[in-house]
Amino acid sequence: MSRRDDRRSGQVAQGRRSAPPRRGWPKASP
């Protein structure tokens, strides 16, 4: 259960952190 938590927590943390910045960059650039 430790490995599943790490993989789920890592993917959710990176996906949520990578989503907001990527959408904000293109909108703030132009």
PDB file of N, CA and C in Angstrom:
ATOM      1  N   MET A   1       0.858  -1.209   0.000  1.00  0.00           N
ATOM      2  CA  MET A   1       0.000   0.000   0.000  1.00  0.00           C
ATOM      3  C   MET A   1       0.889   1.253   0.000  1.00  0.00           C
ATOM      4  N   SER A   2       2.112   1.084   0.394  1.00  0.00           N
ATOM      5  CA  SER A   2       3.026   2.264   0.444  1.00  0.00           C
ATOM      6  C   SER A   2       3.402   2.658  -0.991  1.00  0.00           C
ATOM      7  N   ARG A   3       3.640   1.701  -1.829  1.00  0.00           N
ATOM      8  CA  ARG A   3       4.067   2.024  -3.220  1.00  0.00           C
ATOM      9  C   ARG A   3       2.863   2.621  -3.979  1.00  0.00           C
ATOM     10  N   ARG A   4       1.694   2.177  -3.723  1.00  0.00           N
ATOM     11  CA  ARG A   4       0.520   2.694  -4.469  1.00  0.00           C
ATOM     12  C   ARG A   4       0.272   4.143  -4.032  1.00  0.00           C
ATOM     13  N   ASP A   5       0.448   4.425  -2.799  1.00  0.00           N
ATOM     14  CA  ASP A   5       0.222   5.809  -2.314  1.00  0.00           C
ATOM     15  C   ASP A   5       1.261   6.750  -2.926  1.00  0.00           C
ATOM     16  N   ASP A   6       2.475   6.276  -3.025  1.00  0.00           N
ATOM     17  CA  ASP A   6       3.556   7.134  -3.583  1.00  0.00           C
ATOM     18  C   ASP A   6       3.275   7.412  -5.067  1.00  0.00           C
ATOM     19  N   ARG A   7       2.855   6.428  -5.771  1.00  0.00           N
ATOM     20  CA  ARG A   7       2.637   6.608  -7.234  1.00  0.00           C
ATOM     21  C   ARG A   7       1.389   7.485  -7.431  1.00  0.00           C
ATOM     22  N   ARG A   8       0.383   7.306  -6.645  1.00  0.00           N
ATOM     23  CA  ARG A   8      -0.869   8.094  -6.829  1.00  0.00           C
ATOM     24  C   ARG A   8      -0.614   9.527  -6.333  1.00  0.00           C
ATOM     25  N   SER A   9       0.076   9.657  -5.254  1.00  0.00           N
ATOM     26  CA  SER A   9       0.334  11.008  -4.692  1.00  0.00           C
ATOM     27  C   SER A   9       1.293  11.767  -5.623  1.00  0.00           C
ATOM     28  N   GLY A  10       2.274  11.077  -6.160  1.00  0.00           N
ATOM     29  CA  GLY A  10       3.260  11.735  -7.049  1.00  0.00           C
ATOM     30  C   GLY A  10       2.594  12.179  -8.345  1.00  0.00           C
ATOM     31  N   GLN A  11       1.759  11.360  -8.892  1.00  0.00           N
ATOM     32  CA  GLN A  11       1.126  11.718 -10.182  1.00  0.00           C
ATOM     33  C   GLN A  11       0.114  12.851  -9.975  1.00  0.00           C
ATOM     34  N   VAL A  12      -0.586  12.833  -8.887  1.00  0.00           N
ATOM     35  CA  VAL A  12      -1.614  13.877  -8.638  1.00  0.00           C
ATOM     36  C   VAL A  12      -0.929  15.204  -8.306  1.00  0.00           C
ATOM     37  N   ALA A  13       0.142  15.138  -7.543  1.00  0.00           N
ATOM     38  CA  ALA A  13       0.854  16.385  -7.149  1.00  0.00           C
ATOM     39  C   ALA A  13       1.504  17.005  -8.388  1.00  0.00           C
ATOM     40  N   GLN A  14       2.121  16.192  -9.217  1.00  0.00           N
ATOM     41  CA  GLN A  14       2.804  16.745 -10.414  1.00  0.00           C
ATOM     42  C   GLN A  14       1.761  17.197 -11.445  1.00  0.00           C
ATOM     43  N   GLY A  15       0.696  16.468 -11.581  1.00  0.00           N
ATOM     44  CA  GLY A  15      -0.327  16.833 -12.587  1.00  0.00           C
ATOM     45  C   GLY A  15      -1.042  18.124 -12.181  1.00  0.00           C
ATOM     46  N   ARG A  16      -1.328  18.272 -10.926  1.00  0.00           N
ATOM     47  CA  ARG A  16      -2.044  19.503 -10.479  1.00  0.00           C
ATOM     48  C   ARG A  16      -1.068  20.683 -10.540  1.00  0.00           C
ATOM     49  N   ARG A  17       0.169  20.469 -10.263  1.00  0.00           N
ATOM     50  CA  ARG A  17       1.148  21.596 -10.253  1.00  0.00           C
ATOM     51  C   ARG A  17       1.506  21.943 -11.709  1.00  0.00           C
ATOM     52  N   SER A  18       1.489  20.987 -12.570  1.00  0.00           N
ATOM     53  CA  SER A  18       1.891  21.252 -13.981  1.00  0.00           C
ATOM     54  C   SER A  18       0.688  21.825 -14.754  1.00  0.00           C
ATOM     55  N   ALA A  19      -0.497  21.562 -14.301  1.00  0.00           N
ATOM     56  CA  ALA A  19      -1.700  22.036 -15.028  1.00  0.00           C
ATOM     57  C   ALA A  19      -1.893  23.555 -14.875  1.00  0.00           C
ATOM     58  N   PRO A  20      -1.923  24.078 -13.695  1.00  0.00           N
ATOM     59  CA  PRO A  20      -2.149  25.525 -13.507  1.00  0.00           C
ATOM     60  C   PRO A  20      -1.083  26.388 -14.179  1.00  0.00           C
ATOM     61  N   PRO A  21       0.175  26.095 -13.990  1.00  0.00           N
ATOM     62  CA  PRO A  21       1.243  26.907 -14.599  1.00  0.00           C
ATOM     63  C   PRO A  21       1.174  26.855 -16.134  1.00  0.00           C
ATOM     64  N   ARG A  22       0.870  25.742 -16.689  1.00  0.00           N
ATOM     65  CA  ARG A  22       0.859  25.615 -18.181  1.00  0.00           C
ATOM     66  C   ARG A  22      -0.315  26.453 -18.729  1.00  0.00           C
ATOM     67  N   ARG A  23      -1.402  26.509 -18.061  1.00  0.00           N
ATOM     68  CA  ARG A  23      -2.573  27.255 -18.586  1.00  0.00           C
ATOM     69  C   ARG A  23      -2.346  28.752 -18.324  1.00  0.00           C
ATOM     70  N   GLY A  24      -1.647  29.079 -17.295  1.00  0.00           N
ATOM     71  CA  GLY A  24      -1.426  30.502 -16.965  1.00  0.00           C
ATOM     72  C   GLY A  24      -0.345  31.116 -17.853  1.00  0.00           C
ATOM     73  N   TRP A  25       0.643  30.333 -18.218  1.00  0.00           N
ATOM     74  CA  TRP A  25       1.752  30.877 -19.057  1.00  0.00           C
ATOM     75  C   TRP A  25       1.242  31.410 -20.397  1.00  0.00           C
ATOM     76  N   PRO A  26       0.544  30.578 -21.153  1.00  0.00           N
ATOM     77  CA  PRO A  26       0.060  30.984 -22.487  1.00  0.00           C
ATOM     78  C   PRO A  26      -0.898  32.182 -22.387  1.00  0.00           C
ATOM     79  N   LYS A  27      -1.674  32.225 -21.339  1.00  0.00           N
ATOM     80  CA  LYS A  27      -2.657  33.332 -21.206  1.00  0.00           C
ATOM     81  C   LYS A  27      -1.930  34.618 -20.789  1.00  0.00           C
ATOM     82  N   ALA A  28      -0.896  34.506 -19.987  1.00  0.00           N
ATOM     83  CA  ALA A  28      -0.174  35.706 -19.505  1.00  0.00           C
ATOM     84  C   ALA A  28       0.862  36.144 -20.552  1.00  0.00           C
ATOM     85  N   SER A  29       1.290  35.233 -21.384  1.00  0.00           N
ATOM     86  CA  SER A  29       2.312  35.580 -22.410  1.00  0.00           C
ATOM     87  C   SER A  29       1.720  36.546 -23.450  1.00  0.00           C
ATOM     88  N   PRO A  30       0.633  36.173 -24.097  1.00  0.00           N
ATOM     89  CA  PRO A  30      -0.001  37.020 -25.122  1.00  0.00           C
ATOM     90  C   PRO A  30      -0.764  38.164 -24.456  1.00  0.00           C
TER      91      PRO A  30
END
